[in-house]
Amino acid sequence: MLDYPALSPADHQPATERISRATRDRSARHRRAHRRIAGATIAVGACLGLVLGLGISTAAPAVAATERVATAPSALTAPRDAHTAVEHARAVLEDATAIAVDVQSSGLDVGADAVIPDTAGLQRAIAAVEDVDVARAPDARLALPTLTAALTEQAELVSTQATALRGRLDTAVAAHQEQQAAAAALAAANTPEGAKATAREIAADQYGWGDEQFSCLESLWQKESGWNYRAYNSDGGATGIPQSLPGSKMASFGDDWETNATTQIRWGLDYISRAYGTPCSAWGHSQSVNWY
């Protein structure tokens, strides 16, 4: 007889009931695991949301700040301001270039310390502003105010330099014109007719001698020198229109006595006044003894 082991009460349950209970146990374990995963997912999601929220809240002020700079009044008007500054700078550049050319072509001395306008520096400043392409690089708009300010400053510097140089040139031109006028007047006065006109005027204004006395003076000096300020008597050394002996005596009326007929005339009229009283008395003496 075979000895079988004793069965427990559960062993007497039908197989279907045991299977059903096992299935329920697995389902319960599955639900508990699902709840743990879902809870973890919610926690992770909350953390992720917090992190993203922090990122968004941190980035937002930076974006807003950039937008505020880009839409600031100076940035909005920068292209127009730059255009105006460039137009003004080009006008200054044209004027400065013209004055530099005028100085060079004049050949006049404007002073060793004269400053030539820095047109090259102004050209670079203009190019720096014009090279900014706002259409292709909108952010470049932010650099325009600084570049425009630098251009304006350079334009003011060049304008000041050009004005100063123009003043120096104007002064040099005026002095040159005065020299030319004086030279022309001297040349005219040094001719026989010019010398006669000068002598007539001085005789009347300073000595009160009229046409009669001037007629005697004209005859006297025509005989002596032909009214030639370069006349020189090699026999005795008498010089100039009045035939001063020696000629250096006329230096008392000017260092230019050798080249200026007016200086010679002033000395001659003074000599006649002191020695003879009037030109007619001097002329009478000359006719008598052939000198005066």
C-alpha atoms as a PDB file:
ATOM      1  CA  MET A   1       0.000   0.000   0.000  1.00  0.00           C
ATOM      2  CA  LEU A   2       1.385   3.276  -1.005  1.00  0.00           C
ATOM      3  CA  ASP A   3       1.726   6.006   1.605  1.00  0.00           C
ATOM      4  CA  TYR A   4       0.628   9.414   0.120  1.00  0.00           C
ATOM      5  CA  PRO A   5       1.413  12.630   1.944  1.00  0.00           C
ATOM      6  CA  ALA A   6      -1.386  14.338   3.723  1.00  0.00           C
ATOM      7  CA  LEU A   7      -3.039  17.240   1.899  1.00  0.00           C
ATOM      8  CA  SER A   8      -3.609  20.660   3.459  1.00  0.00           C
ATOM      9  CA  PRO A   9      -7.046  22.295   3.370  1.00  0.00           C
ATOM     10  CA  ALA A  10      -5.900  24.510   0.580  1.00  0.00           C
ATOM     11  CA  ASP A  11      -4.953  21.512  -1.455  1.00  0.00           C
ATOM     12  CA  HIS A  12      -8.530  20.475  -1.456  1.00  0.00           C
ATOM     13  CA  GLN A  13      -9.594  23.808  -3.162  1.00  0.00           C
ATOM     14  CA  PRO A  14     -10.407  23.557  -6.786  1.00  0.00           C
ATOM     15  CA  ALA A  15      -7.637  24.497  -9.175  1.00  0.00           C
ATOM     16  CA  THR A  16      -9.693  27.275 -10.740  1.00  0.00           C
ATOM     17  CA  GLU A  17     -10.088  28.994  -7.389  1.00  0.00           C
ATOM     18  CA  ARG A  18      -6.359  28.882  -6.758  1.00  0.00           C
ATOM     19  CA  ILE A  19      -5.642  30.378 -10.187  1.00  0.00           C
ATOM     20  CA  SER A  20      -8.169  33.168  -9.602  1.00  0.00           C
ATOM     21  CA  ARG A  21      -6.630  34.129  -6.280  1.00  0.00           C
ATOM     22  CA  ALA A  22      -3.135  34.218  -7.782  1.00  0.00           C
ATOM     23  CA  THR A  23      -4.377  36.479 -10.544  1.00  0.00           C
ATOM     24  CA  ARG A  24      -5.908  38.884  -8.024  1.00  0.00           C
ATOM     25  CA  ASP A  25      -2.659  39.009  -6.066  1.00  0.00           C
ATOM     26  CA  ARG A  26      -0.670  39.907  -9.191  1.00  0.00           C
ATOM     27  CA  SER A  27      -3.162  42.658 -10.121  1.00  0.00           C
ATOM     28  CA  ALA A  28      -2.884  44.199  -6.672  1.00  0.00           C
ATOM     29  CA  ARG A  29       0.886  44.198  -6.841  1.00  0.00           C
ATOM     30  CA  HIS A  30       0.722  45.791 -10.346  1.00  0.00           C
ATOM     31  CA  ARG A  31      -1.601  48.572  -9.151  1.00  0.00           C
ATOM     32  CA  ARG A  32       0.701  49.395  -6.232  1.00  0.00           C
ATOM     33  CA  ALA A  33       3.725  49.575  -8.579  1.00  0.00           C
ATOM     34  CA  HIS A  34       1.791  51.797 -11.016  1.00  0.00           C
ATOM     35  CA  ARG A  35       0.883  54.193  -8.247  1.00  0.00           C
ATOM     36  CA  ARG A  36       4.544  54.467  -7.211  1.00  0.00           C
ATOM     37  CA  ILE A  37       5.653  55.177 -10.820  1.00  0.00           C
ATOM     38  CA  ALA A  38       2.893  57.708 -11.366  1.00  0.00           C
ATOM     39  CA  GLY A  39       3.813  59.486  -8.168  1.00  0.00           C
ATOM     40  CA  ALA A  40       7.437  59.597  -9.156  1.00  0.00           C
ATOM     41  CA  THR A  41       6.491  60.900 -12.604  1.00  0.00           C
ATOM     42  CA  ILE A  42       4.402  63.668 -11.093  1.00  0.00           C
ATOM     43  CA  ALA A  43       7.255  64.617  -8.782  1.00  0.00           C
ATOM     44  CA  VAL A  44       9.775  64.653 -11.616  1.00  0.00           C
ATOM     45  CA  GLY A  45       7.395  66.677 -13.745  1.00  0.00           C
ATOM     46  CA  ALA A  46       6.928  69.194 -10.983  1.00  0.00           C
ATOM     47  CA  CYS A  47      10.678  69.542 -10.550  1.00  0.00           C
ATOM     48  CA  LEU A  48      11.176  69.881 -14.288  1.00  0.00           C
ATOM     49  CA  GLY A  49       8.488  72.510 -14.461  1.00  0.00           C
ATOM     50  CA  LEU A  50      10.144  74.410 -11.653  1.00  0.00           C
ATOM     51  CA  VAL A  51      13.491  74.298 -13.424  1.00  0.00           C
ATOM     52  CA  LEU A  52      11.973  75.411 -16.737  1.00  0.00           C
ATOM     53  CA  GLY A  53      10.086  78.126 -14.986  1.00  0.00           C
ATOM     54  CA  LEU A  54      13.259  79.395 -13.422  1.00  0.00           C
ATOM     55  CA  GLY A  55      14.991  79.361 -16.826  1.00  0.00           C
ATOM     56  CA  ILE A  56      12.168  81.258 -18.466  1.00  0.00           C
ATOM     57  CA  SER A  57      11.942  83.828 -15.694  1.00  0.00           C
ATOM     58  CA  THR A  58      15.733  84.325 -15.824  1.00  0.00           C
ATOM     59  CA  ALA A  59      15.905  84.721 -19.616  1.00  0.00           C
ATOM     60  CA  ALA A  60      12.917  87.020 -19.867  1.00  0.00           C
ATOM     61  CA  PRO A  61      14.559  90.075 -18.226  1.00  0.00           C
ATOM     62  CA  ALA A  62      17.628  89.769 -20.502  1.00  0.00           C
ATOM     63  CA  VAL A  63      15.450  89.665 -23.617  1.00  0.00           C
ATOM     64  CA  ALA A  64      13.392  92.555 -22.338  1.00  0.00           C
ATOM     65  CA  ALA A  65      16.539  94.554 -21.603  1.00  0.00           C
ATOM     66  CA  THR A  66      17.821  93.956 -25.125  1.00  0.00           C
ATOM     67  CA  GLU A  67      14.505  95.024 -26.568  1.00  0.00           C
ATOM     68  CA  ARG A  68      14.527  98.173 -24.443  1.00  0.00           C
ATOM     69  CA  VAL A  69      18.023  99.091 -25.720  1.00  0.00           C
ATOM     70  CA  ALA A  70      17.037  98.382 -29.310  1.00  0.00           C
ATOM     71  CA  THR A  71      13.959 100.549 -28.989  1.00  0.00           C
ATOM     72  CA  ALA A  72      15.591 103.342 -26.945  1.00  0.00           C
ATOM     73  CA  PRO A  73      15.185 106.833 -28.471  1.00  0.00           C
ATOM     74  CA  SER A  74      18.903 107.112 -29.316  1.00  0.00           C
ATOM     75  CA  ALA A  75      18.853 103.765 -31.119  1.00  0.00           C
ATOM     76  CA  LEU A  76      15.686 104.594 -33.016  1.00  0.00           C
ATOM     77  CA  THR A  77      17.044 107.937 -34.258  1.00  0.00           C
ATOM     78  CA  ALA A  78      20.610 106.683 -34.777  1.00  0.00           C
ATOM     79  CA  PRO A  79      20.378 106.165 -38.580  1.00  0.00           C
ATOM     80  CA  ARG A  80      18.918 109.624 -39.128  1.00  0.00           C
ATOM     81  CA  ASP A  81      21.446 111.255 -36.805  1.00  0.00           C
ATOM     82  CA  ALA A  82      24.274 109.401 -38.530  1.00  0.00           C
ATOM     83  CA  HIS A  83      23.086 110.555 -41.962  1.00  0.00           C
ATOM     84  CA  THR A  84      22.964 114.183 -40.794  1.00  0.00           C
ATOM     85  CA  ALA A  85      26.431 113.923 -39.245  1.00  0.00           C
ATOM     86  CA  VAL A  86      27.891 112.423 -42.426  1.00  0.00           C
ATOM     87  CA  GLU A  87      26.430 115.203 -44.588  1.00  0.00           C
ATOM     88  CA  HIS A  88      27.878 117.861 -42.278  1.00  0.00           C
ATOM     89  CA  ALA A  89      31.242 116.092 -42.142  1.00  0.00           C
ATOM     90  CA  ARG A  90      31.423 115.929 -45.937  1.00  0.00           C
ATOM     91  CA  ALA A  91      30.791 119.678 -46.158  1.00  0.00           C
ATOM     92  CA  VAL A  92      33.558 120.291 -43.614  1.00  0.00           C
ATOM     93  CA  LEU A  93      35.858 117.949 -45.532  1.00  0.00           C
ATOM     94  CA  GLU A  94      35.222 119.809 -48.788  1.00  0.00           C
ATOM     95  CA  ASP A  95      35.952 123.183 -47.185  1.00  0.00           C
ATOM     96  CA  ALA A  96      39.088 121.931 -45.434  1.00  0.00           C
ATOM     97  CA  THR A  97      40.408 120.379 -48.635  1.00  0.00           C
ATOM     98  CA  ALA A  98      39.762 123.601 -50.540  1.00  0.00           C
ATOM     99  CA  ILE A  99      41.629 125.768 -48.027  1.00  0.00           C
ATOM    100  CA  ALA A 100      44.598 123.391 -48.040  1.00  0.00           C
ATOM    101  CA  VAL A 101      44.729 123.620 -51.843  1.00  0.00           C
ATOM    102  CA  ASP A 102      44.412 127.421 -51.702  1.00  0.00           C
ATOM    103  CA  VAL A 103      47.330 127.689 -49.292  1.00  0.00           C
ATOM    104  CA  GLN A 104      49.524 125.478 -51.440  1.00  0.00           C
ATOM    105  CA  SER A 105      48.646 127.223 -54.694  1.00  0.00           C
ATOM    106  CA  SER A 106      49.087 130.715 -53.211  1.00  0.00           C
ATOM    107  CA  GLY A 107      52.746 130.159 -52.452  1.00  0.00           C
ATOM    108  CA  LEU A 108      52.381 132.532 -49.501  1.00  0.00           C
ATOM    109  CA  ASP A 109      53.912 132.086 -46.069  1.00  0.00           C
ATOM    110  CA  VAL A 110      51.125 131.322 -43.577  1.00  0.00           C
ATOM    111  CA  GLY A 111      53.525 130.629 -40.726  1.00  0.00           C
ATOM    112  CA  ALA A 112      55.676 127.672 -39.805  1.00  0.00           C
ATOM    113  CA  ASP A 113      53.284 126.752 -36.993  1.00  0.00           C
ATOM    114  CA  ALA A 114      50.216 126.631 -39.231  1.00  0.00           C
ATOM    115  CA  VAL A 115      48.168 123.432 -38.770  1.00  0.00           C
ATOM    116  CA  ILE A 116      46.904 121.673 -41.885  1.00  0.00           C
ATOM    117  CA  PRO A 117      43.386 120.221 -41.323  1.00  0.00           C
ATOM    118  CA  ASP A 118      43.336 116.469 -40.562  1.00  0.00           C
ATOM    119  CA  THR A 119      41.222 115.528 -43.574  1.00  0.00           C
ATOM    120  CA  ALA A 120      42.493 111.934 -43.533  1.00  0.00           C
ATOM    121  CA  GLY A 121      41.201 111.414 -39.998  1.00  0.00           C
ATOM    122  CA  LEU A 122      37.834 112.880 -40.961  1.00  0.00           C
ATOM    123  CA  GLN A 123      37.595 110.570 -43.967  1.00  0.00           C
ATOM    124  CA  ARG A 124      38.200 107.565 -41.720  1.00  0.00           C
ATOM    125  CA  ALA A 125      35.502 108.720 -39.307  1.00  0.00           C
ATOM    126  CA  ILE A 126      33.032 109.116 -42.184  1.00  0.00           C
ATOM    127  CA  ALA A 127      33.855 105.637 -43.490  1.00  0.00           C
ATOM    128  CA  ALA A 128      33.381 104.111 -40.027  1.00  0.00           C
ATOM    129  CA  VAL A 129      29.805 105.412 -39.889  1.00  0.00           C
ATOM    130  CA  GLU A 130      28.967 104.558 -43.488  1.00  0.00           C
ATOM    131  CA  ASP A 131      30.243 100.992 -43.107  1.00  0.00           C
ATOM    132  CA  VAL A 132      27.519 100.202 -40.542  1.00  0.00           C
ATOM    133  CA  ASP A 133      24.797  98.181 -42.342  1.00  0.00           C
ATOM    134  CA  VAL A 134      21.672  98.399 -40.195  1.00  0.00           C
ATOM    135  CA  ALA A 135      19.581  96.478 -42.727  1.00  0.00           C
ATOM    136  CA  ARG A 136      21.814  93.387 -42.656  1.00  0.00           C
ATOM    137  CA  ALA A 137      22.854  93.641 -39.017  1.00  0.00           C
ATOM    138  CA  PRO A 138      20.125  95.275 -36.928  1.00  0.00           C
ATOM    139  CA  ASP A 139      22.268  95.013 -33.793  1.00  0.00           C
ATOM    140  CA  ALA A 140      24.754  97.370 -35.462  1.00  0.00           C
ATOM    141  CA  ARG A 141      22.246 100.136 -34.799  1.00  0.00           C
ATOM    142  CA  LEU A 142      23.474 100.128 -31.196  1.00  0.00           C
ATOM    143  CA  ALA A 143      26.997 101.139 -32.300  1.00  0.00           C
ATOM    144  CA  LEU A 144      25.858 104.074 -34.428  1.00  0.00           C
ATOM    145  CA  PRO A 145      25.476 106.678 -31.650  1.00  0.00           C
ATOM    146  CA  THR A 146      29.077 106.176 -30.517  1.00  0.00           C
ATOM    147  CA  LEU A 147      30.449 106.276 -34.066  1.00  0.00           C
ATOM    148  CA  THR A 148      28.324 109.312 -34.887  1.00  0.00           C
ATOM    149  CA  ALA A 149      29.565 111.156 -31.805  1.00  0.00           C
ATOM    150  CA  ALA A 150      33.171 110.418 -32.799  1.00  0.00           C
ATOM    151  CA  LEU A 151      32.478 111.659 -36.334  1.00  0.00           C
ATOM    152  CA  THR A 152      30.898 114.875 -35.045  1.00  0.00           C
ATOM    153  CA  GLU A 153      33.883 115.526 -32.783  1.00  0.00           C
ATOM    154  CA  GLN A 154      36.350 114.952 -35.622  1.00  0.00           C
ATOM    155  CA  ALA A 155      34.347 117.223 -37.938  1.00  0.00           C
ATOM    156  CA  GLU A 156      34.414 120.012 -35.347  1.00  0.00           C
ATOM    157  CA  LEU A 157      38.180 119.623 -34.978  1.00  0.00           C
ATOM    158  CA  VAL A 158      38.784 119.802 -38.730  1.00  0.00           C
ATOM    159  CA  SER A 159      36.394 122.752 -39.065  1.00  0.00           C
ATOM    160  CA  THR A 160      38.317 124.638 -36.382  1.00  0.00           C
ATOM    161  CA  GLN A 161      41.625 123.841 -38.081  1.00  0.00           C
ATOM    162  CA  ALA A 162      40.279 124.940 -41.470  1.00  0.00           C
ATOM    163  CA  THR A 163      38.930 128.214 -40.067  1.00  0.00           C
ATOM    164  CA  ALA A 164      42.265 129.011 -38.432  1.00  0.00           C
ATOM    165  CA  LEU A 165      44.163 128.205 -41.620  1.00  0.00           C
ATOM    166  CA  ARG A 166      41.758 130.311 -43.677  1.00  0.00           C
ATOM    167  CA  GLY A 167      42.396 133.229 -41.322  1.00  0.00           C
ATOM    168  CA  ARG A 168      46.144 132.835 -41.742  1.00  0.00           C
ATOM    169  CA  LEU A 169      45.796 132.722 -45.520  1.00  0.00           C
ATOM    170  CA  ASP A 170      43.548 135.808 -45.553  1.00  0.00           C
ATOM    171  CA  THR A 171      46.133 137.686 -43.492  1.00  0.00           C
ATOM    172  CA  ALA A 172      48.941 136.577 -45.792  1.00  0.00           C
ATOM    173  CA  VAL A 173      46.938 137.551 -48.883  1.00  0.00           C
ATOM    174  CA  ALA A 174      46.146 140.991 -47.450  1.00  0.00           C
ATOM    175  CA  ALA A 175      49.813 141.583 -46.614  1.00  0.00           C
ATOM    176  CA  HIS A 176      50.838 140.453 -50.074  1.00  0.00           C
ATOM    177  CA  GLN A 177      48.308 142.779 -51.683  1.00  0.00           C
ATOM    178  CA  GLU A 178      49.587 145.677 -49.595  1.00  0.00           C
ATOM    179  CA  GLN A 179      53.116 144.886 -50.676  1.00  0.00           C
ATOM    180  CA  GLN A 180      52.052 144.763 -54.290  1.00  0.00           C
ATOM    181  CA  ALA A 181      50.191 148.053 -53.962  1.00  0.00           C
ATOM    182  CA  ALA A 182      53.193 149.668 -52.314  1.00  0.00           C
ATOM    183  CA  ALA A 183      55.486 148.315 -54.995  1.00  0.00           C
ATOM    184  CA  ALA A 184      53.170 149.607 -57.704  1.00  0.00           C
ATOM    185  CA  ALA A 185      52.962 153.000 -56.028  1.00  0.00           C
ATOM    186  CA  LEU A 186      56.721 153.113 -55.666  1.00  0.00           C
ATOM    187  CA  ALA A 187      57.221 152.171 -59.273  1.00  0.00           C
ATOM    188  CA  ALA A 188      54.789 154.868 -60.349  1.00  0.00           C
ATOM    189  CA  ALA A 189      56.397 157.460 -58.081  1.00  0.00           C
ATOM    190  CA  ASN A 190      59.841 156.570 -59.350  1.00  0.00           C
ATOM    191  CA  THR A 191      59.019 157.548 -62.919  1.00  0.00           C
ATOM    192  CA  PRO A 192      59.819 161.174 -63.885  1.00  0.00           C
ATOM    193  CA  GLU A 193      56.140 162.026 -64.159  1.00  0.00           C
ATOM    194  CA  GLY A 194      55.360 160.249 -60.897  1.00  0.00           C
ATOM    195  CA  ALA A 195      58.188 162.075 -59.152  1.00  0.00           C
ATOM    196  CA  LYS A 196      56.922 165.427 -60.425  1.00  0.00           C
ATOM    197  CA  ALA A 197      53.400 164.679 -59.171  1.00  0.00           C
ATOM    198  CA  THR A 198      54.771 163.725 -55.758  1.00  0.00           C
ATOM    199  CA  ALA A 199      56.947 166.856 -55.577  1.00  0.00           C
ATOM    200  CA  ARG A 200      54.044 169.139 -56.528  1.00  0.00           C
ATOM    201  CA  GLU A 201      51.849 167.625 -53.801  1.00  0.00           C
ATOM    202  CA  ILE A 202      54.468 167.807 -51.050  1.00  0.00           C
ATOM    203  CA  ALA A 203      55.543 171.344 -52.033  1.00  0.00           C
ATOM    204  CA  ALA A 204      51.968 172.576 -51.772  1.00  0.00           C
ATOM    205  CA  ASP A 205      50.947 170.633 -48.639  1.00  0.00           C
ATOM    206  CA  GLN A 206      54.078 171.081 -46.503  1.00  0.00           C
ATOM    207  CA  TYR A 207      55.601 174.320 -47.799  1.00  0.00           C
ATOM    208  CA  GLY A 208      52.709 176.224 -49.308  1.00  0.00           C
ATOM    209  CA  TRP A 209      54.438 176.564 -52.667  1.00  0.00           C
ATOM    210  CA  GLY A 210      52.087 176.975 -55.603  1.00  0.00           C
ATOM    211  CA  ASP A 211      52.390 176.492 -59.347  1.00  0.00           C
ATOM    212  CA  GLU A 212      54.957 179.318 -59.811  1.00  0.00           C
ATOM    213  CA  GLN A 213      57.379 177.797 -57.331  1.00  0.00           C
ATOM    214  CA  PHE A 214      56.795 174.330 -58.705  1.00  0.00           C
ATOM    215  CA  SER A 215      57.626 175.602 -62.200  1.00  0.00           C
ATOM    216  CA  CYS A 216      61.026 176.753 -60.890  1.00  0.00           C
ATOM    217  CA  LEU A 217      61.498 173.422 -59.084  1.00  0.00           C
ATOM    218  CA  GLU A 218      60.628 171.482 -62.220  1.00  0.00           C
ATOM    219  CA  SER A 219      63.225 173.403 -64.237  1.00  0.00           C
ATOM    220  CA  LEU A 220      65.882 173.079 -61.511  1.00  0.00           C
ATOM    221  CA  TRP A 221      65.697 169.331 -61.109  1.00  0.00           C
ATOM    222  CA  GLN A 222      65.253 168.744 -64.827  1.00  0.00           C
ATOM    223  CA  LYS A 223      68.634 170.391 -65.272  1.00  0.00           C
ATOM    224  CA  GLU A 224      70.226 168.518 -62.366  1.00  0.00           C
ATOM    225  CA  SER A 225      68.983 164.967 -62.964  1.00  0.00           C
ATOM    226  CA  GLY A 226      66.170 164.850 -65.485  1.00  0.00           C
ATOM    227  CA  TRP A 227      63.970 163.788 -62.513  1.00  0.00           C
ATOM    228  CA  ASN A 228      65.715 160.410 -62.531  1.00  0.00           C
ATOM    229  CA  TYR A 229      66.057 158.901 -59.052  1.00  0.00           C
ATOM    230  CA  ARG A 230      68.985 156.811 -60.293  1.00  0.00           C
ATOM    231  CA  ALA A 231      70.958 159.784 -61.594  1.00  0.00           C
ATOM    232  CA  TYR A 232      74.582 159.843 -60.502  1.00  0.00           C
ATOM    233  CA  ASN A 233      77.309 162.365 -61.296  1.00  0.00           C
ATOM    234  CA  SER A 234      80.539 160.434 -61.617  1.00  0.00           C
ATOM    235  CA  ASP A 235      82.617 163.619 -61.422  1.00  0.00           C
ATOM    236  CA  GLY A 236      81.593 164.634 -57.932  1.00  0.00           C
ATOM    237  CA  GLY A 237      79.304 161.859 -56.705  1.00  0.00           C
ATOM    238  CA  ALA A 238      76.068 163.889 -56.630  1.00  0.00           C
ATOM    239  CA  THR A 239      73.142 161.466 -56.455  1.00  0.00           C
ATOM    240  CA  GLY A 240      69.444 161.243 -57.194  1.00  0.00           C
ATOM    241  CA  ILE A 241      66.812 163.722 -58.347  1.00  0.00           C
ATOM    242  CA  PRO A 242      68.083 166.635 -56.196  1.00  0.00           C
ATOM    243  CA  GLN A 243      71.746 165.637 -56.782  1.00  0.00           C
ATOM    244  CA  SER A 244      72.616 165.355 -53.116  1.00  0.00           C
ATOM    245  CA  LEU A 245      76.352 165.477 -52.456  1.00  0.00           C
ATOM    246  CA  PRO A 246      77.047 162.960 -51.131  1.00  0.00           C
ATOM    247  CA  GLY A 247      73.964 160.900 -51.704  1.00  0.00           C
ATOM    248  CA  SER A 248      74.084 159.427 -48.206  1.00  0.00           C
ATOM    249  CA  LYS A 249      72.836 162.766 -46.827  1.00  0.00           C
ATOM    250  CA  MET A 250      69.364 161.731 -47.954  1.00  0.00           C
ATOM    251  CA  ALA A 251      69.417 158.858 -45.451  1.00  0.00           C
ATOM    252  CA  SER A 252      68.140 161.368 -42.874  1.00  0.00           C
ATOM    253  CA  PHE A 253      64.759 161.068 -44.611  1.00  0.00           C
ATOM    254  CA  GLY A 254      64.777 157.315 -45.110  1.00  0.00           C
ATOM    255  CA  ASP A 255      66.960 154.268 -45.462  1.00  0.00           C
ATOM    256  CA  ASP A 256      65.500 153.709 -48.921  1.00  0.00           C
ATOM    257  CA  TRP A 257      66.993 156.906 -50.325  1.00  0.00           C
ATOM    258  CA  GLU A 258      68.768 154.983 -53.089  1.00  0.00           C
ATOM    259  CA  THR A 259      65.601 153.391 -54.465  1.00  0.00           C
ATOM    260  CA  ASN A 260      62.741 155.726 -53.503  1.00  0.00           C
ATOM    261  CA  ALA A 261      62.173 158.951 -55.419  1.00  0.00           C
ATOM    262  CA  THR A 262      59.803 160.241 -52.732  1.00  0.00           C
ATOM    263  CA  THR A 263      62.523 160.021 -50.076  1.00  0.00           C
ATOM    264  CA  GLN A 264      64.876 161.967 -52.345  1.00  0.00           C
ATOM    265  CA  ILE A 265      62.204 164.601 -53.031  1.00  0.00           C
ATOM    266  CA  ARG A 266      61.484 165.110 -49.335  1.00  0.00           C
ATOM    267  CA  TRP A 267      65.171 165.644 -48.641  1.00  0.00           C
ATOM    268  CA  GLY A 268      65.575 167.985 -51.663  1.00  0.00           C
ATOM    269  CA  LEU A 269      62.615 170.218 -50.746  1.00  0.00           C
ATOM    270  CA  ASP A 270      63.881 170.484 -47.166  1.00  0.00           C
ATOM    271  CA  TYR A 271      67.342 171.426 -48.444  1.00  0.00           C
ATOM    272  CA  ILE A 272      65.945 174.133 -50.770  1.00  0.00           C
ATOM    273  CA  SER A 273      63.775 175.536 -47.988  1.00  0.00           C
ATOM    274  CA  ARG A 274      66.723 175.748 -45.578  1.00  0.00           C
ATOM    275  CA  ALA A 275      69.362 176.943 -48.098  1.00  0.00           C
ATOM    276  CA  TYR A 276      67.371 179.211 -50.441  1.00  0.00           C
ATOM    277  CA  GLY A 277      63.916 179.700 -48.996  1.00  0.00           C
ATOM    278  CA  THR A 278      62.067 178.859 -52.238  1.00  0.00           C
ATOM    279  CA  PRO A 279      62.593 176.806 -55.401  1.00  0.00           C
ATOM    280  CA  CYS A 280      62.710 179.969 -57.533  1.00  0.00           C
ATOM    281  CA  SER A 281      65.605 181.348 -55.448  1.00  0.00           C
ATOM    282  CA  ALA A 282      67.448 178.051 -55.840  1.00  0.00           C
ATOM    283  CA  TRP A 283      66.758 178.050 -59.567  1.00  0.00           C
ATOM    284  CA  GLY A 284      68.087 181.602 -59.918  1.00  0.00           C
ATOM    285  CA  HIS A 285      71.275 180.614 -58.108  1.00  0.00           C
ATOM    286  CA  SER A 286      71.706 177.571 -60.333  1.00  0.00           C
ATOM    287  CA  GLN A 287      71.320 179.690 -63.435  1.00  0.00           C
ATOM    288  CA  SER A 288      74.004 182.053 -62.150  1.00  0.00           C
ATOM    289  CA  VAL A 289      76.689 179.608 -60.975  1.00  0.00           C
ATOM    290  CA  ASN A 290      75.516 176.297 -62.493  1.00  0.00           C
ATOM    291  CA  TRP A 291      74.953 174.615 -59.139  1.00  0.00           C
ATOM    292  CA  TYR A 292      72.762 175.124 -56.119  1.00  0.00           C
END
